[in-house]
């Protein structure tokens, strides 16, 4: 989608003369632990300044100026987003639990795996259980951590934790006021068909389907991280 430069300038104009600077060092340190040391640059660029440009309900945007080892300086716009959970919930029959809701940025109702933002102080296991129960009503007696991935490392700080939830028992949803969610379970073949027809279009869910197919259609529970 084309963006109007004047609109972009307008976002920053409001904050151009702010004195407040946000130090992102602690924020970066927390995420360094996610990645293997082999993939971390030997010399990180120096953050000269970091200024809040936008603050919304779900994310904020900072304008950061970096100085690299060769002395070059560049501006980077960073979307600051909390960590999140993507819950791969499976029934004893091997069906995958999906939720359907309207996604306004793409003007479509899509089937997805349950997901949501982390809340301060909770463990990944507890947060994934909470998100699953809120969106679907299912309670998971067992969960297993599958991995954590940067969703869009070119501009966004979000780290998404994939969690397998199993030993499910049904219950009541606890939706936010702006949420309207339909819940259903599908075989892997049915989920594949939803993806092929565009009813599944988000990356986390498509990734999950491909992941499960690569493992013979299963996410073997193994050890639960309870």
Protein backbone atom coordinates (compact mmCIF):
# COMPACT_ATOMS: atom_id res chain seq x y z
CA UNK A 1 0.00 0.00 0.00
CA UNK A 2 1.33 3.44 -0.92
CA UNK A 3 1.83 5.82 1.99
CA UNK A 4 1.67 9.60 1.79
CA UNK A 5 4.93 11.18 2.98
CA UNK A 6 3.05 14.19 4.30
CA UNK A 7 1.00 11.91 6.52
CA UNK A 8 4.16 10.25 7.81
CA UNK A 9 5.73 13.63 8.57
CA UNK A 10 2.59 14.59 10.44
CA UNK A 11 2.98 11.67 12.81
CA UNK A 12 6.42 12.88 13.84
CA UNK A 13 5.76 16.61 13.76
CA UNK A 14 3.78 16.46 16.98
CA UNK A 15 6.76 14.92 18.77
CA UNK A 16 9.57 16.81 17.06
CA UNK A 17 10.37 19.08 20.00
CA UNK A 18 9.86 16.61 22.82
CA UNK A 19 12.72 16.48 25.31
CA UNK A 20 11.79 13.04 26.58
CA UNK A 21 14.10 10.28 25.37
CA UNK A 22 13.42 6.59 25.94
CA UNK A 23 16.40 4.40 26.63
CA UNK A 24 15.80 1.06 24.89
CA UNK A 25 18.75 -0.81 26.42
CA UNK A 26 16.74 -2.94 28.85
CA UNK A 27 14.20 -3.69 26.15
CA UNK A 28 16.94 -5.00 23.85
CA UNK A 29 18.64 -7.08 26.54
CA UNK A 30 15.47 -9.03 27.26
CA UNK A 31 15.22 -10.08 23.62
CA UNK A 32 18.88 -10.97 23.18
CA UNK A 33 18.25 -14.10 25.26
CA UNK A 34 15.74 -15.35 22.69
CA UNK A 35 18.32 -15.71 19.94
CA UNK A 36 21.35 -17.95 19.65
CA UNK A 37 24.62 -16.07 20.22
CA UNK A 38 25.81 -17.05 16.72
CA UNK A 39 23.14 -14.81 15.21
CA UNK A 40 23.88 -11.71 17.30
CA UNK A 41 26.10 -9.04 15.74
CA UNK A 42 29.55 -8.73 17.34
CA UNK A 43 29.09 -4.97 17.46
CA UNK A 44 25.61 -3.59 17.87
CA UNK A 45 25.11 -0.05 16.59
CA UNK A 46 24.98 2.65 19.23
CA UNK A 47 21.54 4.09 19.92
CA UNK A 48 22.10 7.85 19.91
CA UNK A 49 18.49 8.80 20.54
CA UNK A 50 15.07 7.22 20.81
CA UNK A 51 11.98 9.43 20.69
CA UNK A 52 8.36 8.41 21.06
CA UNK A 53 6.53 9.17 17.81
CA UNK A 54 3.20 7.42 18.43
CA UNK A 55 1.53 5.59 21.29
CA UNK A 56 -1.56 3.47 20.74
CA UNK A 57 -3.56 0.88 22.63
CA UNK A 58 -1.66 -2.12 21.20
CA UNK A 59 1.72 -0.76 20.13
CA UNK A 60 3.91 2.33 20.09
CA UNK A 61 6.38 3.65 17.54
CA UNK A 62 9.78 5.15 18.33
CA UNK A 63 12.11 7.04 16.03
CA UNK A 64 15.67 5.86 16.77
CA UNK A 65 18.96 7.15 15.43
CA UNK A 66 21.74 4.56 15.24
CA UNK A 67 25.49 5.02 14.84
CA UNK A 68 27.30 2.05 13.29
CA UNK A 69 30.92 0.97 13.75
CA UNK A 70 31.98 2.75 10.55
CA UNK A 71 30.57 6.04 11.86
CA UNK A 72 27.52 6.09 9.61
CA UNK A 73 24.24 7.18 11.19
CA UNK A 74 20.76 6.06 10.16
CA UNK A 75 17.21 6.59 11.41
CA UNK A 76 15.09 3.53 12.15
CA UNK A 77 11.38 3.54 12.97
CA UNK A 78 10.59 0.76 15.45
CA UNK A 79 7.17 -0.63 16.31
CA UNK A 80 7.30 -1.58 20.01
CA UNK A 81 4.93 -4.45 20.66
CA UNK A 82 4.62 -6.70 23.70
CA UNK A 83 5.57 -10.35 23.47
CA UNK A 84 2.72 -12.60 22.38
CA UNK A 85 1.47 -16.18 22.40
CA UNK A 86 0.31 -18.36 19.53
CA UNK A 87 -1.51 -21.40 20.88
CA UNK A 88 -1.60 -24.63 18.87
CA UNK A 89 -4.45 -26.39 20.68
CA UNK A 90 -5.21 -29.98 19.68
CA UNK A 91 -8.02 -32.30 20.73
CA UNK A 92 -7.50 -35.99 21.65
CA UNK A 93 -8.67 -36.82 18.10
CA UNK A 94 -5.84 -34.72 16.65
CA UNK A 95 -8.06 -31.85 15.50
CA UNK A 96 -6.69 -28.31 15.70
CA UNK A 97 -8.73 -25.60 17.42
CA UNK A 98 -9.16 -22.41 15.37
CA UNK A 99 -10.94 -19.11 15.96
CA UNK A 100 -12.64 -16.93 13.37
CA UNK A 101 -12.83 -13.16 13.74
CA UNK A 102 -12.98 -10.04 11.63
CA UNK A 103 -9.59 -8.43 10.90
CA UNK A 104 -10.19 -4.85 9.85
CA UNK A 105 -6.68 -4.08 8.44
CA UNK A 106 -7.29 -6.72 5.75
CA UNK A 107 -11.10 -6.30 5.71
CA UNK A 108 -11.76 -10.02 6.10
CA UNK A 109 -12.92 -12.62 8.62
CA UNK A 110 -10.19 -15.23 9.02
CA UNK A 111 -9.63 -18.55 10.75
CA UNK A 112 -6.54 -18.48 12.97
CA UNK A 113 -4.94 -20.28 15.86
CA UNK A 114 -5.72 -18.50 19.16
CA UNK A 115 -3.18 -15.77 19.94
CA UNK A 116 -2.74 -12.63 21.96
CA UNK A 117 -0.39 -10.33 23.81
CA UNK A 118 1.46 -11.23 26.99
CA UNK A 119 0.54 -9.65 30.29
CA UNK A 120 3.18 -8.43 32.70
CA UNK A 121 4.46 -10.97 35.20
CA UNK A 122 2.96 -14.13 33.72
CA UNK A 123 4.90 -17.13 32.48
CA UNK A 124 4.61 -18.24 28.87
CA UNK A 125 2.73 -21.39 29.94
CA UNK A 126 0.25 -19.45 32.09
CA UNK A 127 -0.19 -16.75 29.47
CA UNK A 128 -0.90 -19.27 26.72
CA UNK A 129 -3.46 -21.03 28.94
CA UNK A 130 -5.12 -17.68 29.70
CA UNK A 131 -5.31 -16.65 26.05
CA UNK A 132 -6.71 -20.03 24.99
CA UNK A 133 -9.38 -19.97 27.69
CA UNK A 134 -10.40 -16.38 26.94
CA UNK A 135 -10.77 -16.88 23.18
CA UNK A 136 -12.07 -20.45 22.99
CA UNK A 137 -13.29 -21.49 26.45
CA UNK A 138 -10.95 -24.50 26.36
CA UNK A 139 -8.81 -25.15 29.43
CA UNK A 140 -5.52 -26.94 28.80
CA UNK A 141 -4.29 -29.34 31.45
CA UNK A 142 -0.94 -29.60 29.65
CA UNK A 143 1.14 -27.23 27.54
CA UNK A 144 4.49 -27.56 25.79
CA UNK A 145 6.66 -24.68 24.62
CA UNK A 146 7.55 -25.08 20.94
CA UNK A 147 9.70 -22.06 20.20
CA UNK A 148 9.83 -18.27 19.97
CA UNK A 149 10.15 -16.22 16.79
CA UNK A 150 10.42 -12.56 15.81
CA UNK A 151 7.29 -11.75 13.80
CA UNK A 152 8.74 -8.88 11.71
CA UNK A 153 12.31 -8.17 12.84
CA UNK A 154 12.83 -5.51 10.18
CA UNK A 155 10.65 -3.03 12.05
CA UNK A 156 8.81 -4.66 14.97
CA UNK A 157 10.02 -5.85 18.39
CA UNK A 158 7.31 -8.49 18.90
CA UNK A 159 8.48 -11.96 19.92
CA UNK A 160 5.79 -14.62 19.45
CA UNK A 161 5.92 -17.74 21.63
CA UNK A 162 4.37 -20.83 20.05
CA UNK A 163 2.81 -23.17 22.61
CA UNK A 164 1.18 -26.57 22.13
CA UNK A 165 -1.88 -26.94 24.38
CA UNK A 166 -3.47 -30.36 24.89
CA UNK A 167 -5.53 -32.38 27.38
CA UNK A 168 -8.32 -29.89 26.72
CA UNK A 169 -11.61 -29.47 28.56
CA UNK A 170 -14.39 -27.20 27.25
CA UNK A 171 -15.62 -24.10 29.06
CA UNK A 172 -16.98 -20.60 28.57
CA UNK A 173 -15.22 -17.89 26.59
CA UNK A 174 -14.22 -14.64 28.29
CA UNK A 175 -14.07 -12.17 25.41
CA UNK A 176 -13.08 -8.51 25.41
CA UNK A 177 -15.83 -6.04 24.59
CA UNK A 178 -14.57 -5.60 21.01
CA UNK A 179 -14.11 -9.33 20.30
CA UNK A 180 -16.58 -11.48 18.36
CA UNK A 181 -15.03 -14.90 17.98
CA UNK A 182 -16.33 -18.18 16.55
CA UNK A 183 -14.60 -21.38 17.65
CA UNK A 184 -14.31 -24.68 15.77
CA UNK A 185 -11.90 -27.60 15.41
CA UNK A 186 -10.58 -28.97 12.13
CA UNK A 187 -8.57 -31.87 10.84
CA UNK A 188 -5.22 -30.95 9.34
CA UNK A 189 -6.60 -31.61 5.84
CA UNK A 190 -9.54 -29.29 6.52
CA UNK A 191 -7.20 -26.60 7.83
CA UNK A 192 -5.06 -27.01 4.71
CA UNK A 193 -8.17 -26.44 2.58
CA UNK A 194 -9.00 -23.29 4.53
CA UNK A 195 -5.52 -22.00 3.79
CA UNK A 196 -5.76 -22.86 0.10
CA UNK A 197 -9.08 -20.98 -0.20
CA UNK A 198 -7.79 -17.89 1.62
CA UNK A 199 -9.84 -18.40 4.77
CA UNK A 200 -6.56 -18.84 6.63
CA UNK A 201 -4.25 -16.02 5.58
CA UNK A 202 -2.13 -15.06 8.59
CA UNK A 203 1.48 -16.16 8.87
CA UNK A 204 1.34 -17.79 12.31
CA UNK A 205 -1.50 -20.14 11.35
CA UNK A 206 -0.07 -20.99 7.93
CA UNK A 207 3.27 -21.68 9.62
CA UNK A 208 1.54 -23.98 12.11
CA UNK A 209 -0.15 -26.00 9.36
CA UNK A 210 3.11 -26.42 7.43
CA UNK A 211 4.89 -27.31 10.68
CA UNK A 212 2.33 -30.00 11.53
CA UNK A 213 2.46 -31.45 8.01
CA UNK A 214 6.24 -31.69 8.27
CA UNK A 215 5.76 -33.75 11.45
CA UNK A 216 3.34 -36.24 9.94
CA UNK A 217 0.26 -34.27 10.95
CA UNK A 218 1.01 -34.32 14.65
CA UNK A 219 2.57 -32.26 17.40
CA UNK A 220 3.74 -35.07 19.67
CA UNK A 221 3.01 -33.95 23.26
CA UNK A 222 6.10 -35.45 24.88
CA UNK A 223 7.02 -33.56 28.05
CA UNK A 224 4.58 -30.92 29.22
CA UNK A 225 5.98 -27.60 30.51
CA UNK A 226 3.44 -27.23 33.32
